[in-house]
Amino acid sequence: MSSLRSILSILWQEKVTNLEALYRARSTSIETMILKTQLWWTSHVIRVEQDSIPRQLSEYSMKRCSSINEARGRRKAAAAVTLASLASSLTVDALVDQN
């Protein structure tokens, strides 16, 4: 973040938040970048063949998480939030408007 602030010529005395610096740079938040990468990886794993190692690991981890959540008594509906809905709801404009 400090390199972005130096590129934008933001001094520390200005007390500009990280979200405002990202907004000025017309960039997305780190959370959004991570969610987009996770969404890209998930779509990649879905497209690969059934016997590929990433697909097998993904299916194993989903089964394991599902069984752990059921053992803890969590509802399936609560775990049904998709990465796509999270990524679409996390924009810099929405985060800046909240502050």
PDB file of N, CA and C in Angstrom:
ATOM      1  N   MET A   1       0.819  -1.186   0.000  1.00  0.00           N
ATOM      2  CA  MET A   1       0.000   0.000   0.000  1.00  0.00           C
ATOM      3  C   MET A   1       0.867   1.254   0.000  1.00  0.00           C
ATOM      4  N   SER A   2       2.052   1.169   0.606  1.00  0.00           N
ATOM      5  CA  SER A   2       2.905   2.363   0.646  1.00  0.00           C
ATOM      6  C   SER A   2       3.395   2.747  -0.741  1.00  0.00           C
ATOM      7  N   SER A   3       3.648   1.761  -1.593  1.00  0.00           N
ATOM      8  CA  SER A   3       4.086   2.095  -2.955  1.00  0.00           C
ATOM      9  C   SER A   3       2.962   2.774  -3.732  1.00  0.00           C
ATOM     10  N   LEU A   4       1.729   2.339  -3.504  1.00  0.00           N
ATOM     11  CA  LEU A   4       0.592   2.980  -4.160  1.00  0.00           C
ATOM     12  C   LEU A   4       0.450   4.426  -3.687  1.00  0.00           C
ATOM     13  N   ARG A   5       0.652   4.640  -2.403  1.00  0.00           N
ATOM     14  CA  ARG A   5       0.570   6.000  -1.866  1.00  0.00           C
ATOM     15  C   ARG A   5       1.663   6.896  -2.448  1.00  0.00           C
ATOM     16  N   SER A   6       2.865   6.347  -2.643  1.00  0.00           N
ATOM     17  CA  SER A   6       3.935   7.173  -3.219  1.00  0.00           C
ATOM     18  C   SER A   6       3.671   7.469  -4.693  1.00  0.00           C
ATOM     19  N   ILE A   7       3.095   6.516  -5.416  1.00  0.00           N
ATOM     20  CA  ILE A   7       2.750   6.755  -6.818  1.00  0.00           C
ATOM     21  C   ILE A   7       1.704   7.854  -6.930  1.00  0.00           C
ATOM     22  N   LEU A   8       0.735   7.835  -6.014  1.00  0.00           N
ATOM     23  CA  LEU A   8      -0.338   8.824  -6.032  1.00  0.00           C
ATOM     24  C   LEU A   8       0.052  10.131  -5.335  1.00  0.00           C
ATOM     25  N   SER A   9       1.267  10.199  -4.810  1.00  0.00           N
ATOM     26  CA  SER A   9       1.778  11.377  -4.090  1.00  0.00           C
ATOM     27  C   SER A   9       0.899  11.733  -2.894  1.00  0.00           C
ATOM     28  N   ILE A  10       0.547  10.716  -2.127  1.00  0.00           N
ATOM     29  CA  ILE A  10      -0.249  10.922  -0.913  1.00  0.00           C
ATOM     30  C   ILE A  10       0.709  10.973   0.272  1.00  0.00           C
ATOM     31  N   LEU A  11       0.683  12.061   0.999  1.00  0.00           N
ATOM     32  CA  LEU A  11       1.526  12.215   2.172  1.00  0.00           C
ATOM     33  C   LEU A  11       0.819  11.648   3.398  1.00  0.00           C
ATOM     34  N   TRP A  12       1.598  11.218   4.389  1.00  0.00           N
ATOM     35  CA  TRP A  12       0.988  10.641   5.579  1.00  0.00           C
ATOM     36  C   TRP A  12       0.211  11.682   6.377  1.00  0.00           C
ATOM     37  N   GLN A  13       0.548  12.947   6.209  1.00  0.00           N
ATOM     38  CA  GLN A  13      -0.156  14.007   6.923  1.00  0.00           C
ATOM     39  C   GLN A  13      -1.588  14.184   6.420  1.00  0.00           C
ATOM     40  N   GLU A  14      -1.864  13.702   5.224  1.00  0.00           N
ATOM     41  CA  GLU A  14      -3.203  13.856   4.654  1.00  0.00           C
ATOM     42  C   GLU A  14      -4.230  12.922   5.293  1.00  0.00           C
ATOM     43  N   LYS A  15      -3.768  11.903   5.986  1.00  0.00           N
ATOM     44  CA  LYS A  15      -4.635  10.939   6.677  1.00  0.00           C
ATOM     45  C   LYS A  15      -5.682  10.338   5.737  1.00  0.00           C
ATOM     46  N   VAL A  16      -5.198   9.803   4.627  1.00  0.00           N
ATOM     47  CA  VAL A  16      -6.063   9.164   3.637  1.00  0.00           C
ATOM     48  C   VAL A  16      -6.138   7.682   3.970  1.00  0.00           C
ATOM     49  N   THR A  17      -7.354   7.138   4.032  1.00  0.00           N
ATOM     50  CA  THR A  17      -7.521   5.719   4.337  1.00  0.00           C
ATOM     51  C   THR A  17      -7.074   4.868   3.155  1.00  0.00           C
ATOM     52  N   ASN A  18      -6.851   3.581   3.427  1.00  0.00           N
ATOM     53  CA  ASN A  18      -6.456   2.661   2.365  1.00  0.00           C
ATOM     54  C   ASN A  18      -7.542   2.549   1.306  1.00  0.00           C
ATOM     55  N   LEU A  19      -8.797   2.545   1.736  1.00  0.00           N
ATOM     56  CA  LEU A  19      -9.896   2.456   0.769  1.00  0.00           C
ATOM     57  C   LEU A  19      -9.936   3.681  -0.137  1.00  0.00           C
ATOM     58  N   GLU A  20      -9.693   4.838   0.440  1.00  0.00           N
ATOM     59  CA  GLU A  20      -9.677   6.060  -0.366  1.00  0.00           C
ATOM     60  C   GLU A  20      -8.512   6.036  -1.354  1.00  0.00           C
ATOM     61  N   ALA A  21      -7.352   5.526  -0.920  1.00  0.00           N
ATOM     62  CA  ALA A  21      -6.204   5.422  -1.827  1.00  0.00           C
ATOM     63  C   ALA A  21      -6.513   4.462  -2.970  1.00  0.00           C
ATOM     64  N   LEU A  22      -7.148   3.339  -2.670  1.00  0.00           N
ATOM     65  CA  LEU A  22      -7.542   2.396  -3.721  1.00  0.00           C
ATOM     66  C   LEU A  22      -8.564   3.031  -4.657  1.00  0.00           C
ATOM     67  N   TYR A  23      -9.485   3.802  -4.101  1.00  0.00           N
ATOM     68  CA  TYR A  23     -10.496   4.469  -4.919  1.00  0.00           C
ATOM     69  C   TYR A  23      -9.844   5.495  -5.850  1.00  0.00           C
ATOM     70  N   ARG A  24      -8.891   6.260  -5.328  1.00  0.00           N
ATOM     71  CA  ARG A  24      -8.195   7.249  -6.158  1.00  0.00           C
ATOM     72  C   ARG A  24      -7.410   6.581  -7.286  1.00  0.00           C
ATOM     73  N   ALA A  25      -6.879   5.386  -7.015  1.00  0.00           N
ATOM     74  CA  ALA A  25      -6.108   4.663  -8.032  1.00  0.00           C
ATOM     75  C   ALA A  25      -7.015   3.875  -8.968  1.00  0.00           C
ATOM     76  N   ARG A  26      -8.315   3.935  -8.715  1.00  0.00           N
ATOM     77  CA  ARG A  26      -9.297   3.174  -9.487  1.00  0.00           C
ATOM     78  C   ARG A  26      -8.953   1.689  -9.471  1.00  0.00           C
ATOM     79  N   SER A  27      -8.614   1.211  -8.289  1.00  0.00           N
ATOM     80  CA  SER A  27      -8.242  -0.183  -8.103  1.00  0.00           C
ATOM     81  C   SER A  27      -9.279  -0.862  -7.220  1.00  0.00           C
ATOM     82  N   THR A  28      -9.206  -2.178  -7.163  1.00  0.00           N
ATOM     83  CA  THR A  28     -10.125  -2.934  -6.316  1.00  0.00           C
ATOM     84  C   THR A  28      -9.432  -3.275  -5.004  1.00  0.00           C
ATOM     85  N   SER A  29     -10.214  -3.632  -4.012  1.00  0.00           N
ATOM     86  CA  SER A  29      -9.651  -3.966  -2.711  1.00  0.00           C
ATOM     87  C   SER A  29      -8.937  -5.318  -2.779  1.00  0.00           C
ATOM     88  N   ILE A  30      -8.095  -5.569  -1.805  1.00  0.00           N
ATOM     89  CA  ILE A  30      -7.353  -6.824  -1.750  1.00  0.00           C
ATOM     90  C   ILE A  30      -8.322  -7.992  -1.600  1.00  0.00           C
ATOM     91  N   GLU A  31      -9.372  -7.811  -0.794  1.00  0.00           N
ATOM     92  CA  GLU A  31     -10.371  -8.869  -0.620  1.00  0.00           C
ATOM     93  C   GLU A  31     -11.012  -9.244  -1.949  1.00  0.00           C
ATOM     94  N   THR A  32     -11.334  -8.241  -2.753  1.00  0.00           N
ATOM     95  CA  THR A  32     -11.951  -8.494  -4.050  1.00  0.00           C
ATOM     96  C   THR A  32     -10.983  -9.215  -4.973  1.00  0.00           C
ATOM     97  N   MET A  33      -9.713  -8.824  -4.942  1.00  0.00           N
ATOM     98  CA  MET A  33      -8.717  -9.504  -5.768  1.00  0.00           C
ATOM     99  C   MET A  33      -8.595 -10.974  -5.382  1.00  0.00           C
ATOM    100  N   ILE A  34      -8.581 -11.247  -4.080  1.00  0.00           N
ATOM    101  CA  ILE A  34      -8.477 -12.627  -3.607  1.00  0.00           C
ATOM    102  C   ILE A  34      -9.711 -13.418  -4.008  1.00  0.00           C
ATOM    103  N   LEU A  35     -10.895 -12.828  -3.838  1.00  0.00           N
ATOM    104  CA  LEU A  35     -12.125 -13.523  -4.217  1.00  0.00           C
ATOM    105  C   LEU A  35     -12.183 -13.802  -5.715  1.00  0.00           C
ATOM    106  N   LYS A  36     -11.725 -12.862  -6.526  1.00  0.00           N
ATOM    107  CA  LYS A  36     -11.698 -13.086  -7.972  1.00  0.00           C
ATOM    108  C   LYS A  36     -10.754 -14.225  -8.328  1.00  0.00           C
ATOM    109  N   THR A  37      -9.595 -14.276  -7.659  1.00  0.00           N
ATOM    110  CA  THR A  37      -8.648 -15.360  -7.910  1.00  0.00           C
ATOM    111  C   THR A  37      -9.237 -16.695  -7.481  1.00  0.00           C
ATOM    112  N   GLN A  38      -9.909 -16.727  -6.332  1.00  0.00           N
ATOM    113  CA  GLN A  38     -10.549 -17.960  -5.874  1.00  0.00           C
ATOM    114  C   GLN A  38     -11.647 -18.391  -6.832  1.00  0.00           C
ATOM    115  N   LEU A  39     -12.402 -17.438  -7.323  1.00  0.00           N
ATOM    116  CA  LEU A  39     -13.458 -17.749  -8.281  1.00  0.00           C
ATOM    117  C   LEU A  39     -12.867 -18.289  -9.575  1.00  0.00           C
ATOM    118  N   TRP A  40     -11.781 -17.677 -10.047  1.00  0.00           N
ATOM    119  CA  TRP A  40     -11.120 -18.165 -11.254  1.00  0.00           C
ATOM    120  C   TRP A  40     -10.618 -19.589 -11.049  1.00  0.00           C
ATOM    121  N   TRP A  41      -9.990 -19.868  -9.888  1.00  0.00           N
ATOM    122  CA  TRP A  41      -9.459 -21.202  -9.627  1.00  0.00           C
ATOM    123  C   TRP A  41     -10.592 -22.221  -9.542  1.00  0.00           C
ATOM    124  N   THR A  42     -11.691 -21.857  -8.905  1.00  0.00           N
ATOM    125  CA  THR A  42     -12.832 -22.764  -8.800  1.00  0.00           C
ATOM    126  C   THR A  42     -13.391 -23.088 -10.175  1.00  0.00           C
ATOM    127  N   SER A  43     -13.528 -22.102 -11.029  1.00  0.00           N
ATOM    128  CA  SER A  43     -14.041 -22.368 -12.375  1.00  0.00           C
ATOM    129  C   SER A  43     -13.056 -23.214 -13.177  1.00  0.00           C
ATOM    130  N   HIS A  44     -11.770 -23.033 -12.942  1.00  0.00           N
ATOM    131  CA  HIS A  44     -10.760 -23.858 -13.609  1.00  0.00           C
ATOM    132  C   HIS A  44     -10.877 -25.313 -13.161  1.00  0.00           C
ATOM    133  N   VAL A  45     -11.020 -25.521 -11.855  1.00  0.00           N
ATOM    134  CA  VAL A  45     -11.117 -26.883 -11.320  1.00  0.00           C
ATOM    135  C   VAL A  45     -12.368 -27.573 -11.844  1.00  0.00           C
ATOM    136  N   ILE A  46     -13.451 -26.829 -12.001  1.00  0.00           N
ATOM    137  CA  ILE A  46     -14.690 -27.414 -12.520  1.00  0.00           C
ATOM    138  C   ILE A  46     -14.508 -27.873 -13.965  1.00  0.00           C
ATOM    139  N   ARG A  47     -13.715 -27.149 -14.740  1.00  0.00           N
ATOM    140  CA  ARG A  47     -13.533 -27.485 -16.160  1.00  0.00           C
ATOM    141  C   ARG A  47     -12.569 -28.641 -16.407  1.00  0.00           C
ATOM    142  N   VAL A  48     -11.643 -28.908 -15.492  1.00  0.00           N
ATOM    143  CA  VAL A  48     -10.656 -29.964 -15.728  1.00  0.00           C
ATOM    144  C   VAL A  48     -11.304 -31.335 -15.597  1.00  0.00           C
ATOM    145  N   GLU A  49     -10.583 -32.363 -16.022  1.00  0.00           N
ATOM    146  CA  GLU A  49     -11.125 -33.719 -16.014  1.00  0.00           C
ATOM    147  C   GLU A  49     -11.322 -34.232 -14.591  1.00  0.00           C
ATOM    148  N   GLN A  50     -12.184 -35.239 -14.475  1.00  0.00           N
ATOM    149  CA  GLN A  50     -12.525 -35.805 -13.170  1.00  0.00           C
ATOM    150  C   GLN A  50     -11.314 -36.386 -12.443  1.00  0.00           C
ATOM    151  N   ASP A  51     -10.379 -36.991 -13.174  1.00  0.00           N
ATOM    152  CA  ASP A  51      -9.267 -37.676 -12.520  1.00  0.00           C
ATOM    153  C   ASP A  51      -8.055 -36.775 -12.264  1.00  0.00           C
ATOM    154  N   SER A  52      -8.183 -35.478 -12.486  1.00  0.00           N
ATOM    155  CA  SER A  52      -7.062 -34.572 -12.221  1.00  0.00           C
ATOM    156  C   SER A  52      -6.904 -34.365 -10.714  1.00  0.00           C
ATOM    157  N   ILE A  53      -5.687 -34.113 -10.304  1.00  0.00           N
ATOM    158  CA  ILE A  53      -5.392 -33.960  -8.876  1.00  0.00           C
ATOM    159  C   ILE A  53      -6.108 -32.751  -8.265  1.00  0.00           C
ATOM    160  N   PRO A  54      -6.111 -31.568  -8.896  1.00  0.00           N
ATOM    161  CA  PRO A  54      -6.836 -30.440  -8.287  1.00  0.00           C
ATOM    162  C   PRO A  54      -8.326 -30.730  -8.096  1.00  0.00           C
ATOM    163  N   ARG A  55      -8.931 -31.413  -9.049  1.00  0.00           N
ATOM    164  CA  ARG A  55     -10.361 -31.737  -8.944  1.00  0.00           C
ATOM    165  C   ARG A  55     -10.600 -32.701  -7.792  1.00  0.00           C
ATOM    166  N   GLN A  56      -9.759 -33.728  -7.676  1.00  0.00           N
ATOM    167  CA  GLN A  56      -9.916 -34.701  -6.596  1.00  0.00           C
ATOM    168  C   GLN A  56      -9.726 -34.041  -5.235  1.00  0.00           C
ATOM    169  N   LEU A  57      -8.726 -33.160  -5.125  1.00  0.00           N
ATOM    170  CA  LEU A  57      -8.506 -32.457  -3.857  1.00  0.00           C
ATOM    171  C   LEU A  57      -9.676 -31.547  -3.511  1.00  0.00           C
ATOM    172  N   SER A  58     -10.214 -30.876  -4.509  1.00  0.00           N
ATOM    173  CA  SER A  58     -11.347 -29.986  -4.285  1.00  0.00           C
ATOM    174  C   SER A  58     -12.568 -30.765  -3.807  1.00  0.00           C
ATOM    175  N   GLU A  59     -12.860 -31.871  -4.464  1.00  0.00           N
ATOM    176  CA  GLU A  59     -14.011 -32.683  -4.066  1.00  0.00           C
ATOM    177  C   GLU A  59     -13.819 -33.267  -2.676  1.00  0.00           C
ATOM    178  N   TYR A  60     -12.586 -33.690  -2.358  1.00  0.00           N
ATOM    179  CA  TYR A  60     -12.309 -34.235  -1.034  1.00  0.00           C
ATOM    180  C   TYR A  60     -12.519 -33.172   0.041  1.00  0.00           C
ATOM    181  N   SER A  61     -11.995 -31.971  -0.200  1.00  0.00           N
ATOM    182  CA  SER A  61     -12.128 -30.919   0.815  1.00  0.00           C
ATOM    183  C   SER A  61     -13.584 -30.489   0.983  1.00  0.00           C
ATOM    184  N   MET A  62     -14.365 -30.478  -0.119  1.00  0.00           N
ATOM    185  CA  MET A  62     -15.782 -30.122   0.001  1.00  0.00           C
ATOM    186  C   MET A  62     -16.534 -31.175   0.808  1.00  0.00           C
ATOM    187  N   LYS A  63     -16.240 -32.446   0.567  1.00  0.00           N
ATOM    188  CA  LYS A  63     -16.896 -33.512   1.335  1.00  0.00           C
ATOM    189  C   LYS A  63     -16.511 -33.422   2.800  1.00  0.00           C
ATOM    190  N   ARG A  64     -15.236 -33.162   3.060  1.00  0.00           N
ATOM    191  CA  ARG A  64     -14.752 -33.074   4.437  1.00  0.00           C
ATOM    192  C   ARG A  64     -15.391 -31.893   5.170  1.00  0.00           C
ATOM    193  N   CYS A  65     -15.438 -30.732   4.529  1.00  0.00           N
ATOM    194  CA  CYS A  65     -16.057 -29.553   5.150  1.00  0.00           C
ATOM    195  C   CYS A  65     -17.543 -29.781   5.384  1.00  0.00           C
ATOM    196  N   SER A  66     -18.189 -30.440   4.440  1.00  0.00           N
ATOM    197  CA  SER A  66     -19.612 -30.713   4.575  1.00  0.00           C
ATOM    198  C   SER A  66     -19.878 -31.624   5.765  1.00  0.00           C
ATOM    199  N   SER A  67     -19.067 -32.668   5.910  1.00  0.00           N
ATOM    200  CA  SER A  67     -19.281 -33.593   7.026  1.00  0.00           C
ATOM    201  C   SER A  67     -18.960 -32.927   8.362  1.00  0.00           C
ATOM    202  N   ILE A  68     -17.957 -32.066   8.389  1.00  0.00           N
ATOM    203  CA  ILE A  68     -17.620 -31.353   9.630  1.00  0.00           C
ATOM    204  C   ILE A  68     -18.751 -30.408  10.016  1.00  0.00           C
ATOM    205  N   ASN A  69     -19.289 -29.668   9.044  1.00  0.00           N
ATOM    206  CA  ASN A  69     -20.382 -28.739   9.336  1.00  0.00           C
ATOM    207  C   ASN A  69     -21.635 -29.476   9.791  1.00  0.00           C
ATOM    208  N   GLU A  70     -21.929 -30.628   9.186  1.00  0.00           N
ATOM    209  CA  GLU A  70     -23.095 -31.401   9.608  1.00  0.00           C
ATOM    210  C   GLU A  70     -22.897 -31.944  11.016  1.00  0.00           C
ATOM    211  N   ALA A  71     -21.666 -32.355  11.342  1.00  0.00           N
ATOM    212  CA  ALA A  71     -21.388 -32.865  12.682  1.00  0.00           C
ATOM    213  C   ALA A  71     -21.531 -31.761  13.725  1.00  0.00           C
ATOM    214  N   ARG A  72     -21.255 -30.535  13.341  1.00  0.00           N
ATOM    215  CA  ARG A  72     -21.380 -29.405  14.265  1.00  0.00           C
ATOM    216  C   ARG A  72     -22.798 -28.853  14.307  1.00  0.00           C
ATOM    217  N   GLY A  73     -23.669 -29.378  13.455  1.00  0.00           N
ATOM    218  CA  GLY A  73     -25.060 -28.955  13.471  1.00  0.00           C
ATOM    219  C   GLY A  73     -25.349 -27.711  12.664  1.00  0.00           C
ATOM    220  N   ARG A  74     -24.476 -27.330  11.763  1.00  0.00           N
ATOM    221  CA  ARG A  74     -24.711 -26.139  10.950  1.00  0.00           C
ATOM    222  C   ARG A  74     -25.637 -26.475   9.797  1.00  0.00           C
ATOM    223  N   ARG A  75     -26.419 -25.500   9.410  1.00  0.00           N
ATOM    224  CA  ARG A  75     -27.350 -25.705   8.303  1.00  0.00           C
ATOM    225  C   ARG A  75     -26.618 -25.647   6.977  1.00  0.00           C
ATOM    226  N   LYS A  76     -27.137 -26.392   6.013  1.00  0.00           N
ATOM    227  CA  LYS A  76     -26.545 -26.394   4.679  1.00  0.00           C
ATOM    228  C   LYS A  76     -26.810 -25.071   3.967  1.00  0.00           C
ATOM    229  N   ALA A  77     -27.920 -24.441   4.258  1.00  0.00           N
ATOM    230  CA  ALA A  77     -28.262 -23.185   3.585  1.00  0.00           C
ATOM    231  C   ALA A  77     -27.263 -22.086   3.940  1.00  0.00           C
ATOM    232  N   ALA A  78     -26.748 -22.114   5.155  1.00  0.00           N
ATOM    233  CA  ALA A  78     -25.792 -21.090   5.565  1.00  0.00           C
ATOM    234  C   ALA A  78     -24.463 -21.242   4.830  1.00  0.00           C
ATOM    235  N   ALA A  79     -24.136 -22.457   4.421  1.00  0.00           N
ATOM    236  CA  ALA A  79     -22.877 -22.703   3.722  1.00  0.00           C
ATOM    237  C   ALA A  79     -23.020 -22.596   2.210  1.00  0.00           C
ATOM    238  N   ALA A  80     -24.176 -22.187   1.723  1.00  0.00           N
ATOM    239  CA  ALA A  80     -24.432 -22.169   0.285  1.00  0.00           C
ATOM    240  C   ALA A  80     -24.064 -20.850  -0.390  1.00  0.00           C
ATOM    241  N   VAL A  81     -23.387 -19.962   0.311  1.00  0.00           N
ATOM    242  CA  VAL A  81     -22.989 -18.683  -0.275  1.00  0.00           C
ATOM    243  C   VAL A  81     -21.876 -18.943  -1.286  1.00  0.00           C
ATOM    244  N   THR A  82     -22.034 -18.446  -2.483  1.00  0.00           N
ATOM    245  CA  THR A  82     -21.044 -18.704  -3.524  1.00  0.00           C
ATOM    246  C   THR A  82     -20.027 -17.585  -3.605  1.00  0.00           C
ATOM    247  N   LEU A  83     -18.875 -17.899  -4.168  1.00  0.00           N
ATOM    248  CA  LEU A  83     -17.836 -16.888  -4.342  1.00  0.00           C
ATOM    249  C   LEU A  83     -18.275 -15.804  -5.315  1.00  0.00           C
ATOM    250  N   ALA A  84     -19.099 -16.188  -6.275  1.00  0.00           N
ATOM    251  CA  ALA A  84     -19.548 -15.201  -7.260  1.00  0.00           C
ATOM    252  C   ALA A  84     -20.387 -14.107  -6.605  1.00  0.00           C
ATOM    253  N   SER A  85     -21.276 -14.494  -5.699  1.00  0.00           N
ATOM    254  CA  SER A  85     -22.104 -13.484  -5.042  1.00  0.00           C
ATOM    255  C   SER A  85     -21.265 -12.598  -4.129  1.00  0.00           C
ATOM    256  N   LEU A  86     -20.241 -13.177  -3.492  1.00  0.00           N
ATOM    257  CA  LEU A  86     -19.362 -12.374  -2.650  1.00  0.00           C
ATOM    258  C   LEU A  86     -18.534 -11.406  -3.483  1.00  0.00           C
ATOM    259  N   ALA A  87     -17.998 -11.889  -4.589  1.00  0.00           N
ATOM    260  CA  ALA A  87     -17.160 -11.036  -5.432  1.00  0.00           C
ATOM    261  C   ALA A  87     -17.965  -9.900  -6.045  1.00  0.00           C
ATOM    262  N   SER A  88     -19.213 -10.183  -6.412  1.00  0.00           N
ATOM    263  CA  SER A  88     -20.018  -9.128  -7.021  1.00  0.00           C
ATOM    264  C   SER A  88     -20.445  -8.076  -5.999  1.00  0.00           C
ATOM    265  N   SER A  89     -20.542  -8.468  -4.728  1.00  0.00           N
ATOM    266  CA  SER A  89     -20.982  -7.510  -3.715  1.00  0.00           C
ATOM    267  C   SER A  89     -19.832  -6.668  -3.162  1.00  0.00           C
ATOM    268  N   LEU A  90     -18.587  -7.081  -3.390  1.00  0.00           N
ATOM    269  CA  LEU A  90     -17.448  -6.357  -2.845  1.00  0.00           C
ATOM    270  C   LEU A  90     -16.814  -5.472  -3.909  1.00  0.00           C
ATOM    271  N   THR A  91     -17.279  -4.267  -3.999  1.00  0.00           N
ATOM    272  CA  THR A  91     -16.660  -3.296  -4.889  1.00  0.00           C
ATOM    273  C   THR A  91     -16.099  -2.171  -4.049  1.00  0.00           C
ATOM    274  N   VAL A  92     -15.157  -1.476  -4.583  1.00  0.00           N
ATOM    275  CA  VAL A  92     -14.545  -0.371  -3.845  1.00  0.00           C
ATOM    276  C   VAL A  92     -15.576   0.707  -3.562  1.00  0.00           C
ATOM    277  N   ASP A  93     -16.463   0.981  -4.518  1.00  0.00           N
ATOM    278  CA  ASP A  93     -17.485   2.006  -4.313  1.00  0.00           C
ATOM    279  C   ASP A  93     -18.376   1.662  -3.124  1.00  0.00           C
ATOM    280  N   ALA A  94     -18.774   0.394  -3.022  1.00  0.00           N
ATOM    281  CA  ALA A  94     -19.643  -0.017  -1.920  1.00  0.00           C
ATOM    282  C   ALA A  94     -18.917   0.091  -0.590  1.00  0.00           C
ATOM    283  N   LEU A  95     -17.630  -0.263  -0.559  1.00  0.00           N
ATOM    284  CA  LEU A  95     -16.875  -0.189   0.681  1.00  0.00           C
ATOM    285  C   LEU A  95     -16.628   1.256   1.099  1.00  0.00           C
ATOM    286  N   VAL A  96     -16.368   2.132   0.149  1.00  0.00           N
ATOM    287  CA  VAL A  96     -16.145   3.544   0.472  1.00  0.00           C
ATOM    288  C   VAL A  96     -17.435   4.181   0.961  1.00  0.00           C
ATOM    289  N   ASP A  97     -18.577   3.813   0.353  1.00  0.00           N
ATOM    290  CA  ASP A  97     -19.861   4.368   0.767  1.00  0.00           C
ATOM    291  C   ASP A  97     -20.221   3.966   2.188  1.00  0.00           C
ATOM    292  N   GLN A  98     -19.761   2.784   2.641  1.00  0.00           N
ATOM    293  CA  GLN A  98     -20.075   2.329   3.991  1.00  0.00           C
ATOM    294  C   GLN A  98     -19.347   3.157   5.038  1.00  0.00           C
ATOM    295  N   ASN A  99     -18.176   3.691   4.694  1.00  0.00           N
ATOM    296  CA  ASN A  99     -17.381   4.457   5.667  1.00  0.00           C
ATOM    297  C   ASN A  99     -17.798   5.852   5.667  1.00  0.00           C
TER     298      ASN A  99
END
